[in-house]
């Protein structure tokens, strides 16, 4: 694994887009030598981080109300509102879910790598709402990420799409890559990452259809790109509507993460958490 990727996975108090700058300033050493972004690191390497440099880059806790659906010593599950970023990124350094989580969970002293800081386990687009699981420390995060990789952590969504989806159920198995015409949009790409979305038709009024969706993989914008690829973009998703280009044009879309199932890393028990659909889904 490259040093920059290792740092992104563990330095949860530093915005992802600033990790490279942190390394370039010499704030991380590997086996006593100044680390470089492309350095390959292994579990046997001694990696040391400059706590003062980390503090200069870190984002701040904020007292923001959280809708908590489940919480214990290892993890918590939040109901994220649509329009809220999960991570601080670029100009969005405040009012994110992570800012709120840092306040809620507090911080431990002498923890520059943030091993006892809350960290989201999976993606949930800013424009979408619903359940997201948060690991309270690194070991739980690693265990839940393994469940994601093994596809034993199940996420279920609901979406309202344009048009009448005629089939009762189906699977979209189409690889995704960056759209060559728009950097922040994804498109079907034979050379891209494998992406599989299963869907079931719940209701339709002839002009719009309510779908339930289950992800087999978890790519960026997977549901949005897949549904647009079959001619049924999500309601209000102007980024993926025909000719859409604006990343911030639709702060809220009709996509809701309604259910999450996982094995608790501590007890091994099955944990199921649900979130009621927003009023527009009624």
C-alpha atoms as a PDB file:
ATOM      1  CA  UNK A   1       0.000   0.000   0.000  1.00  0.00           C
ATOM      2  CA  UNK A   2       1.230   3.515  -0.782  1.00  0.00           C
ATOM      3  CA  UNK A   3       1.929   5.863   2.107  1.00  0.00           C
ATOM      4  CA  UNK A   4      -0.677   8.333   0.862  1.00  0.00           C
ATOM      5  CA  UNK A   5      -3.364   5.625   0.841  1.00  0.00           C
ATOM      6  CA  UNK A   6      -2.338   4.413   4.305  1.00  0.00           C
ATOM      7  CA  UNK A   7      -2.560   7.978   5.602  1.00  0.00           C
ATOM      8  CA  UNK A   8      -5.977   8.543   4.007  1.00  0.00           C
ATOM      9  CA  UNK A   9      -7.278   5.414   5.743  1.00  0.00           C
ATOM     10  CA  UNK A  10      -5.993   6.347   9.186  1.00  0.00           C
ATOM     11  CA  UNK A  11      -5.639  10.125   9.470  1.00  0.00           C
ATOM     12  CA  UNK A  12      -9.354  10.673   9.810  1.00  0.00           C
ATOM     13  CA  UNK A  13      -8.980  14.174  11.288  1.00  0.00           C
ATOM     14  CA  UNK A  14      -7.355  15.494   8.100  1.00  0.00           C
ATOM     15  CA  UNK A  15      -9.365  16.248   4.934  1.00  0.00           C
ATOM     16  CA  UNK A  16      -8.608  13.664   2.264  1.00  0.00           C
ATOM     17  CA  UNK A  17      -7.679  16.293  -0.306  1.00  0.00           C
ATOM     18  CA  UNK A  18      -4.929  17.660   1.985  1.00  0.00           C
ATOM     19  CA  UNK A  19      -3.171  14.388   2.876  1.00  0.00           C
ATOM     20  CA  UNK A  20      -0.726  14.772  -0.020  1.00  0.00           C
ATOM     21  CA  UNK A  21       0.256  18.268   1.121  1.00  0.00           C
ATOM     22  CA  UNK A  22       0.796  16.967   4.656  1.00  0.00           C
ATOM     23  CA  UNK A  23       3.220  14.304   3.403  1.00  0.00           C
ATOM     24  CA  UNK A  24       4.963  16.780   1.086  1.00  0.00           C
ATOM     25  CA  UNK A  25       5.703  18.995   4.098  1.00  0.00           C
ATOM     26  CA  UNK A  26       7.586  16.135   5.760  1.00  0.00           C
ATOM     27  CA  UNK A  27       5.071  15.537   8.547  1.00  0.00           C
ATOM     28  CA  UNK A  28       5.290  11.737   8.236  1.00  0.00           C
ATOM     29  CA  UNK A  29       8.413   9.586   8.454  1.00  0.00           C
ATOM     30  CA  UNK A  30       8.809   5.940   7.461  1.00  0.00           C
ATOM     31  CA  UNK A  31      11.538   4.027   9.298  1.00  0.00           C
ATOM     32  CA  UNK A  32      13.189   7.298  10.288  1.00  0.00           C
ATOM     33  CA  UNK A  33      13.189   8.837   6.807  1.00  0.00           C
ATOM     34  CA  UNK A  34      10.910  11.536   5.447  1.00  0.00           C
ATOM     35  CA  UNK A  35       7.995   9.833   3.743  1.00  0.00           C
ATOM     36  CA  UNK A  36       7.004  10.424   0.133  1.00  0.00           C
ATOM     37  CA  UNK A  37       3.529  10.110  -1.337  1.00  0.00           C
ATOM     38  CA  UNK A  38       4.403   7.120  -3.535  1.00  0.00           C
ATOM     39  CA  UNK A  39       6.367   5.192  -0.877  1.00  0.00           C
ATOM     40  CA  UNK A  40       5.184   1.612  -0.464  1.00  0.00           C
ATOM     41  CA  UNK A  41       4.572   0.739   3.190  1.00  0.00           C
ATOM     42  CA  UNK A  42       3.980  -2.564   4.964  1.00  0.00           C
ATOM     43  CA  UNK A  43       2.835  -3.658   8.443  1.00  0.00           C
ATOM     44  CA  UNK A  44       6.485  -3.978   9.532  1.00  0.00           C
ATOM     45  CA  UNK A  45       7.310  -0.330   8.797  1.00  0.00           C
ATOM     46  CA  UNK A  46       7.578   2.214  11.616  1.00  0.00           C
ATOM     47  CA  UNK A  47       5.461   5.204  10.602  1.00  0.00           C
ATOM     48  CA  UNK A  48       5.646   8.345  12.740  1.00  0.00           C
ATOM     49  CA  UNK A  49       3.429  11.385  12.356  1.00  0.00           C
ATOM     50  CA  UNK A  50       4.077  14.934  13.563  1.00  0.00           C
ATOM     51  CA  UNK A  51       1.137  15.660  15.859  1.00  0.00           C
ATOM     52  CA  UNK A  52       1.553  19.442  15.584  1.00  0.00           C
ATOM     53  CA  UNK A  53       1.387  19.291  11.794  1.00  0.00           C
ATOM     54  CA  UNK A  54      -1.729  17.118  11.977  1.00  0.00           C
ATOM     55  CA  UNK A  55      -3.390  19.632  14.282  1.00  0.00           C
ATOM     56  CA  UNK A  56      -2.753  22.423  11.764  1.00  0.00           C
ATOM     57  CA  UNK A  57      -4.594  20.502   9.045  1.00  0.00           C
ATOM     58  CA  UNK A  58      -7.339  18.950  11.164  1.00  0.00           C
ATOM     59  CA  UNK A  59     -10.961  20.013  10.922  1.00  0.00           C
ATOM     60  CA  UNK A  60     -12.899  21.046  13.977  1.00  0.00           C
ATOM     61  CA  UNK A  61     -15.673  19.374  15.957  1.00  0.00           C
ATOM     62  CA  UNK A  62     -19.029  21.142  15.750  1.00  0.00           C
ATOM     63  CA  UNK A  63     -22.056  20.866  17.987  1.00  0.00           C
ATOM     64  CA  UNK A  64     -24.570  19.796  15.348  1.00  0.00           C
ATOM     65  CA  UNK A  65     -27.615  17.645  16.228  1.00  0.00           C
ATOM     66  CA  UNK A  66     -27.384  14.031  15.078  1.00  0.00           C
ATOM     67  CA  UNK A  67     -30.293  11.696  14.341  1.00  0.00           C
ATOM     68  CA  UNK A  68     -28.890   8.542  15.941  1.00  0.00           C
ATOM     69  CA  UNK A  69     -30.686   5.294  15.111  1.00  0.00           C
ATOM     70  CA  UNK A  70     -28.324   2.957  16.983  1.00  0.00           C
ATOM     71  CA  UNK A  71     -25.292   3.450  19.208  1.00  0.00           C
ATOM     72  CA  UNK A  72     -23.019   1.298  21.365  1.00  0.00           C
ATOM     73  CA  UNK A  73     -19.350   1.310  22.403  1.00  0.00           C
ATOM     74  CA  UNK A  74     -18.147   0.129  18.983  1.00  0.00           C
ATOM     75  CA  UNK A  75     -20.294   1.904  16.424  1.00  0.00           C
ATOM     76  CA  UNK A  76     -23.215   4.156  15.758  1.00  0.00           C
ATOM     77  CA  UNK A  77     -25.693   4.464  12.913  1.00  0.00           C
ATOM     78  CA  UNK A  78     -26.934   7.917  11.906  1.00  0.00           C
ATOM     79  CA  UNK A  79     -29.822   9.102   9.777  1.00  0.00           C
ATOM     80  CA  UNK A  80     -28.078  11.625   7.506  1.00  0.00           C
ATOM     81  CA  UNK A  81     -30.193  14.440   6.083  1.00  0.00           C
ATOM     82  CA  UNK A  82     -30.035  15.106   2.360  1.00  0.00           C
ATOM     83  CA  UNK A  83     -27.844  18.067   1.481  1.00  0.00           C
ATOM     84  CA  UNK A  84     -25.203  17.327   4.145  1.00  0.00           C
ATOM     85  CA  UNK A  85     -21.674  16.228   3.217  1.00  0.00           C
ATOM     86  CA  UNK A  86     -20.309  13.188   5.054  1.00  0.00           C
ATOM     87  CA  UNK A  87     -16.642  14.330   4.974  1.00  0.00           C
ATOM     88  CA  UNK A  88     -15.095  17.801   4.959  1.00  0.00           C
ATOM     89  CA  UNK A  89     -13.783  18.249   1.438  1.00  0.00           C
ATOM     90  CA  UNK A  90     -12.483  21.232  -0.518  1.00  0.00           C
ATOM     91  CA  UNK A  91     -14.458  24.347   0.469  1.00  0.00           C
ATOM     92  CA  UNK A  92     -16.863  22.302   2.614  1.00  0.00           C
ATOM     93  CA  UNK A  93     -14.839  22.273   5.849  1.00  0.00           C
ATOM     94  CA  UNK A  94     -17.751  22.830   8.240  1.00  0.00           C
ATOM     95  CA  UNK A  95     -21.286  21.571   8.888  1.00  0.00           C
ATOM     96  CA  UNK A  96     -20.489  18.023   7.721  1.00  0.00           C
ATOM     97  CA  UNK A  97     -21.427  14.751   9.354  1.00  0.00           C
ATOM     98  CA  UNK A  98     -17.820  14.168  10.452  1.00  0.00           C
ATOM     99  CA  UNK A  99     -17.688  17.584  12.164  1.00  0.00           C
ATOM    100  CA  UNK A 100     -20.786  16.590  14.137  1.00  0.00           C
ATOM    101  CA  UNK A 101     -19.413  13.128  14.944  1.00  0.00           C
ATOM    102  CA  UNK A 102     -16.140  14.533  16.288  1.00  0.00           C
ATOM    103  CA  UNK A 103     -18.156  16.639  18.727  1.00  0.00           C
ATOM    104  CA  UNK A 104     -20.492  13.800  19.684  1.00  0.00           C
ATOM    105  CA  UNK A 105     -17.774  11.193  20.253  1.00  0.00           C
ATOM    106  CA  UNK A 106     -15.124  13.515  21.642  1.00  0.00           C
ATOM    107  CA  UNK A 107     -11.375  13.071  21.224  1.00  0.00           C
ATOM    108  CA  UNK A 108      -8.679  11.218  23.114  1.00  0.00           C
ATOM    109  CA  UNK A 109      -5.327  12.879  23.904  1.00  0.00           C
ATOM    110  CA  UNK A 110      -2.118  11.617  22.294  1.00  0.00           C
ATOM    111  CA  UNK A 111      -3.990  10.073  19.385  1.00  0.00           C
ATOM    112  CA  UNK A 112      -2.469  11.748  16.291  1.00  0.00           C
ATOM    113  CA  UNK A 113      -3.460   8.896  13.978  1.00  0.00           C
ATOM    114  CA  UNK A 114      -7.053   9.230  15.103  1.00  0.00           C
ATOM    115  CA  UNK A 115      -7.442   5.539  15.931  1.00  0.00           C
ATOM    116  CA  UNK A 116     -10.116   6.490  18.451  1.00  0.00           C
ATOM    117  CA  UNK A 117     -11.891   8.947  16.177  1.00  0.00           C
ATOM    118  CA  UNK A 118     -15.241   8.181  14.522  1.00  0.00           C
ATOM    119  CA  UNK A 119     -15.008   7.305  10.842  1.00  0.00           C
ATOM    120  CA  UNK A 120     -17.757   6.551   8.301  1.00  0.00           C
ATOM    121  CA  UNK A 121     -17.568   3.017   6.921  1.00  0.00           C
ATOM    122  CA  UNK A 122     -19.224   3.557   3.536  1.00  0.00           C
ATOM    123  CA  UNK A 123     -20.361   6.253   1.134  1.00  0.00           C
ATOM    124  CA  UNK A 124     -23.588   8.222   1.117  1.00  0.00           C
ATOM    125  CA  UNK A 125     -23.867  11.057  -1.382  1.00  0.00           C
ATOM    126  CA  UNK A 126     -24.444  14.572  -0.099  1.00  0.00           C
ATOM    127  CA  UNK A 127     -27.705  14.780  -2.059  1.00  0.00           C
ATOM    128  CA  UNK A 128     -29.024  11.497  -0.589  1.00  0.00           C
ATOM    129  CA  UNK A 129     -30.469  10.836   2.854  1.00  0.00           C
ATOM    130  CA  UNK A 130     -30.629   7.877   5.213  1.00  0.00           C
ATOM    131  CA  UNK A 131     -28.629   5.389   7.243  1.00  0.00           C
ATOM    132  CA  UNK A 132     -24.847   5.447   7.474  1.00  0.00           C
ATOM    133  CA  UNK A 133     -22.726   3.393   9.876  1.00  0.00           C
ATOM    134  CA  UNK A 134     -19.867   4.985  11.804  1.00  0.00           C
ATOM    135  CA  UNK A 135     -17.026   3.044  13.431  1.00  0.00           C
ATOM    136  CA  UNK A 136     -15.841   4.545  16.715  1.00  0.00           C
ATOM    137  CA  UNK A 137     -12.273   3.294  16.364  1.00  0.00           C
ATOM    138  CA  UNK A 138      -9.926   1.840  13.784  1.00  0.00           C
ATOM    139  CA  UNK A 139     -10.354  -1.855  14.629  1.00  0.00           C
ATOM    140  CA  UNK A 140     -14.127  -1.663  14.198  1.00  0.00           C
ATOM    141  CA  UNK A 141     -13.688   0.285  10.971  1.00  0.00           C
ATOM    142  CA  UNK A 142     -11.389  -2.421   9.587  1.00  0.00           C
ATOM    143  CA  UNK A 143     -13.848  -5.172  10.571  1.00  0.00           C
ATOM    144  CA  UNK A 144     -16.812  -3.433   8.951  1.00  0.00           C
ATOM    145  CA  UNK A 145     -14.839  -2.625   5.812  1.00  0.00           C
ATOM    146  CA  UNK A 146     -14.097  -6.342   5.580  1.00  0.00           C
ATOM    147  CA  UNK A 147     -17.836  -7.028   5.716  1.00  0.00           C
ATOM    148  CA  UNK A 148     -18.278  -4.580   2.853  1.00  0.00           C
ATOM    149  CA  UNK A 149     -15.605  -6.376   0.838  1.00  0.00           C
ATOM    150  CA  UNK A 150     -17.201  -9.753   1.587  1.00  0.00           C
ATOM    151  CA  UNK A 151     -20.674  -8.342   0.806  1.00  0.00           C
ATOM    152  CA  UNK A 152     -22.099  -9.317   4.181  1.00  0.00           C
ATOM    153  CA  UNK A 153     -22.894  -5.706   5.089  1.00  0.00           C
ATOM    154  CA  UNK A 154     -26.142  -5.066   3.240  1.00  0.00           C
ATOM    155  CA  UNK A 155     -27.464  -1.635   2.276  1.00  0.00           C
ATOM    156  CA  UNK A 156     -30.975  -1.152   0.972  1.00  0.00           C
ATOM    157  CA  UNK A 157     -32.186   2.025  -0.740  1.00  0.00           C
ATOM    158  CA  UNK A 158     -35.351   3.563  -2.132  1.00  0.00           C
ATOM    159  CA  UNK A 159     -35.409   5.898  -5.102  1.00  0.00           C
ATOM    160  CA  UNK A 160     -38.062   7.687  -7.122  1.00  0.00           C
ATOM    161  CA  UNK A 161     -37.080   7.712 -10.782  1.00  0.00           C
ATOM    162  CA  UNK A 162     -38.392   9.371 -13.905  1.00  0.00           C
ATOM    163  CA  UNK A 163     -40.562   7.226 -16.143  1.00  0.00           C
ATOM    164  CA  UNK A 164     -42.428   3.951 -15.765  1.00  0.00           C
ATOM    165  CA  UNK A 165     -40.060   1.062 -15.012  1.00  0.00           C
ATOM    166  CA  UNK A 166     -41.901  -1.808 -16.670  1.00  0.00           C
ATOM    167  CA  UNK A 167     -40.044  -4.793 -15.184  1.00  0.00           C
ATOM    168  CA  UNK A 168     -40.928  -5.966 -11.676  1.00  0.00           C
ATOM    169  CA  UNK A 169     -37.282  -6.613 -10.791  1.00  0.00           C
ATOM    170  CA  UNK A 170     -33.892  -6.625 -12.439  1.00  0.00           C
ATOM    171  CA  UNK A 171     -30.136  -6.313 -12.115  1.00  0.00           C
ATOM    172  CA  UNK A 172     -27.877  -3.669 -13.621  1.00  0.00           C
ATOM    173  CA  UNK A 173     -24.429  -5.205 -14.074  1.00  0.00           C
ATOM    174  CA  UNK A 174     -22.335  -2.531 -15.777  1.00  0.00           C
ATOM    175  CA  UNK A 175     -18.803  -1.316 -14.929  1.00  0.00           C
ATOM    176  CA  UNK A 176     -18.385   2.325 -13.979  1.00  0.00           C
ATOM    177  CA  UNK A 177     -15.592   4.806 -14.630  1.00  0.00           C
ATOM    178  CA  UNK A 178     -15.155   8.565 -14.781  1.00  0.00           C
ATOM    179  CA  UNK A 179     -17.253  10.300 -17.399  1.00  0.00           C
ATOM    180  CA  UNK A 180     -14.772  11.746 -19.932  1.00  0.00           C
ATOM    181  CA  UNK A 181     -16.983  14.813 -20.350  1.00  0.00           C
ATOM    182  CA  UNK A 182     -17.432  15.552 -16.628  1.00  0.00           C
ATOM    183  CA  UNK A 183     -14.846  14.725 -13.923  1.00  0.00           C
ATOM    184  CA  UNK A 184     -17.308  14.447 -11.043  1.00  0.00           C
ATOM    185  CA  UNK A 185     -19.790  12.212 -12.876  1.00  0.00           C
ATOM    186  CA  UNK A 186     -19.603   8.446 -13.446  1.00  0.00           C
ATOM    187  CA  UNK A 187     -20.527   6.637 -16.651  1.00  0.00           C
ATOM    188  CA  UNK A 188     -20.669   3.108 -18.017  1.00  0.00           C
ATOM    189  CA  UNK A 189     -17.110   2.155 -18.994  1.00  0.00           C
ATOM    190  CA  UNK A 190     -16.063  -1.345 -20.125  1.00  0.00           C
ATOM    191  CA  UNK A 191     -12.645  -0.653 -18.563  1.00  0.00           C
ATOM    192  CA  UNK A 192     -14.119   0.637 -15.306  1.00  0.00           C
ATOM    193  CA  UNK A 193     -14.772  -0.997 -11.936  1.00  0.00           C
ATOM    194  CA  UNK A 194     -17.342  -3.766 -11.713  1.00  0.00           C
ATOM    195  CA  UNK A 195     -20.647  -2.417 -10.415  1.00  0.00           C
ATOM    196  CA  UNK A 196     -23.839  -4.377  -9.716  1.00  0.00           C
ATOM    197  CA  UNK A 197     -27.181  -2.954  -8.569  1.00  0.00           C
ATOM    198  CA  UNK A 198     -30.330  -5.026  -7.945  1.00  0.00           C
ATOM    199  CA  UNK A 199     -33.706  -3.293  -8.069  1.00  0.00           C
ATOM    200  CA  UNK A 200     -37.365  -4.090  -7.387  1.00  0.00           C
ATOM    201  CA  UNK A 201     -40.375  -2.087  -8.571  1.00  0.00           C
ATOM    202  CA  UNK A 202     -42.639  -1.016  -5.695  1.00  0.00           C
ATOM    203  CA  UNK A 203     -45.107   1.393  -7.311  1.00  0.00           C
ATOM    204  CA  UNK A 204     -45.594   3.633 -10.341  1.00  0.00           C
ATOM    205  CA  UNK A 205     -48.019   6.335 -11.457  1.00  0.00           C
ATOM    206  CA  UNK A 206     -46.948   6.005 -15.075  1.00  0.00           C
ATOM    207  CA  UNK A 207     -44.651   9.031 -14.938  1.00  0.00           C
ATOM    208  CA  UNK A 208     -42.547   8.139 -11.906  1.00  0.00           C
ATOM    209  CA  UNK A 209     -41.562   4.826 -10.317  1.00  0.00           C
ATOM    210  CA  UNK A 210     -40.634   3.988  -6.727  1.00  0.00           C
ATOM    211  CA  UNK A 211     -37.825   1.419  -6.621  1.00  0.00           C
ATOM    212  CA  UNK A 212     -36.101  -0.533  -3.876  1.00  0.00           C
ATOM    213  CA  UNK A 213     -32.418  -1.152  -4.555  1.00  0.00           C
ATOM    214  CA  UNK A 214     -29.671  -3.327  -3.079  1.00  0.00           C
ATOM    215  CA  UNK A 215     -26.002  -2.749  -3.820  1.00  0.00           C
ATOM    216  CA  UNK A 216     -23.765  -5.710  -4.549  1.00  0.00           C
ATOM    217  CA  UNK A 217     -20.831  -3.329  -4.990  1.00  0.00           C
ATOM    218  CA  UNK A 218     -20.356   0.202  -3.694  1.00  0.00           C
ATOM    219  CA  UNK A 219     -18.941   2.515  -6.351  1.00  0.00           C
ATOM    220  CA  UNK A 220     -19.130   6.297  -6.366  1.00  0.00           C
ATOM    221  CA  UNK A 221     -22.579   7.416  -7.586  1.00  0.00           C
ATOM    222  CA  UNK A 222     -23.369   3.783  -8.445  1.00  0.00           C
ATOM    223  CA  UNK A 223     -27.152   3.925  -8.083  1.00  0.00           C
ATOM    224  CA  UNK A 224     -27.399   7.318  -9.765  1.00  0.00           C
ATOM    225  CA  UNK A 225     -25.251   6.354 -12.750  1.00  0.00           C
ATOM    226  CA  UNK A 226     -26.842   2.919 -13.167  1.00  0.00           C
ATOM    227  CA  UNK A 227     -30.414   4.205 -13.119  1.00  0.00           C
ATOM    228  CA  UNK A 228     -29.562   6.975 -15.567  1.00  0.00           C
ATOM    229  CA  UNK A 229     -27.931   4.393 -17.852  1.00  0.00           C
ATOM    230  CA  UNK A 230     -31.234   2.520 -18.244  1.00  0.00           C
ATOM    231  CA  UNK A 231     -33.144   5.709 -18.994  1.00  0.00           C
ATOM    232  CA  UNK A 232     -34.615   6.273 -15.522  1.00  0.00           C
ATOM    233  CA  UNK A 233     -32.587   8.960 -13.705  1.00  0.00           C
ATOM    234  CA  UNK A 234     -33.515   9.758 -10.118  1.00  0.00           C
ATOM    235  CA  UNK A 235     -35.981  12.605  -9.622  1.00  0.00           C
ATOM    236  CA  UNK A 236     -34.184  15.979  -9.248  1.00  0.00           C
ATOM    237  CA  UNK A 237     -30.788  14.465 -10.086  1.00  0.00           C
ATOM    238  CA  UNK A 238     -29.737  17.121 -12.569  1.00  0.00           C
ATOM    239  CA  UNK A 239     -26.159  15.821 -12.601  1.00  0.00           C
ATOM    240  CA  UNK A 240     -27.306  12.558 -14.203  1.00  0.00           C
ATOM    241  CA  UNK A 241     -30.248  13.821 -16.232  1.00  0.00           C
ATOM    242  CA  UNK A 242     -29.614  14.144 -19.965  1.00  0.00           C
ATOM    243  CA  UNK A 243     -26.873  16.718 -20.455  1.00  0.00           C
ATOM    244  CA  UNK A 244     -26.429  17.280 -16.696  1.00  0.00           C
ATOM    245  CA  UNK A 245     -23.149  18.933 -15.724  1.00  0.00           C
ATOM    246  CA  UNK A 246     -23.622  20.757 -12.429  1.00  0.00           C
ATOM    247  CA  UNK A 247     -22.199  18.983  -9.372  1.00  0.00           C
ATOM    248  CA  UNK A 248     -24.103  21.233  -6.946  1.00  0.00           C
ATOM    249  CA  UNK A 249     -27.232  21.766  -9.013  1.00  0.00           C
ATOM    250  CA  UNK A 250     -29.328  19.330  -6.953  1.00  0.00           C
ATOM    251  CA  UNK A 251     -28.524  19.410  -3.218  1.00  0.00           C
ATOM    252  CA  UNK A 252     -31.412  16.990  -2.573  1.00  0.00           C
ATOM    253  CA  UNK A 253     -32.441  14.059  -4.773  1.00  0.00           C
ATOM    254  CA  UNK A 254     -35.058  11.332  -4.329  1.00  0.00           C
ATOM    255  CA  UNK A 255     -32.603   8.708  -3.024  1.00  0.00           C
ATOM    256  CA  UNK A 256     -32.855   7.367   0.537  1.00  0.00           C
ATOM    257  CA  UNK A 257     -30.789   4.712   2.317  1.00  0.00           C
ATOM    258  CA  UNK A 258     -33.604   2.965   4.160  1.00  0.00           C
ATOM    259  CA  UNK A 259     -31.983  -0.098   5.753  1.00  0.00           C
ATOM    260  CA  UNK A 260     -28.607  -1.396   6.896  1.00  0.00           C
ATOM    261  CA  UNK A 261     -27.710  -4.918   8.040  1.00  0.00           C
ATOM    262  CA  UNK A 262     -24.372  -5.958   9.528  1.00  0.00           C
ATOM    263  CA  UNK A 263     -22.733  -8.382  11.927  1.00  0.00           C
ATOM    264  CA  UNK A 264     -21.649  -6.574  15.064  1.00  0.00           C
ATOM    265  CA  UNK A 265     -17.826  -6.789  15.200  1.00  0.00           C
ATOM    266  CA  UNK A 266     -17.915  -7.413  18.947  1.00  0.00           C
ATOM    267  CA  UNK A 267     -20.856  -9.740  19.583  1.00  0.00           C
ATOM    268  CA  UNK A 268     -21.336 -11.252  16.137  1.00  0.00           C
ATOM    269  CA  UNK A 269     -25.060 -10.525  16.392  1.00  0.00           C
ATOM    270  CA  UNK A 270     -27.023  -9.399  13.344  1.00  0.00           C
ATOM    271  CA  UNK A 271     -27.826  -5.687  13.605  1.00  0.00           C
ATOM    272  CA  UNK A 272     -30.614  -4.281  11.423  1.00  0.00           C
ATOM    273  CA  UNK A 273     -31.277  -0.543  11.397  1.00  0.00           C
ATOM    274  CA  UNK A 274     -34.024   1.135   9.374  1.00  0.00           C
ATOM    275  CA  UNK A 275     -34.808   4.738   8.546  1.00  0.00           C
ATOM    276  CA  UNK A 276     -38.318   5.888   7.618  1.00  0.00           C
ATOM    277  CA  UNK A 277     -38.574   7.342   4.142  1.00  0.00           C
ATOM    278  CA  UNK A 278     -38.861  11.134   3.854  1.00  0.00           C
ATOM    279  CA  UNK A 279     -42.378  12.525   3.201  1.00  0.00           C
ATOM    280  CA  UNK A 280     -41.807  12.840  -0.544  1.00  0.00           C
ATOM    281  CA  UNK A 281     -41.608   9.028  -0.783  1.00  0.00           C
ATOM    282  CA  UNK A 282     -45.153   8.567   0.547  1.00  0.00           C
END
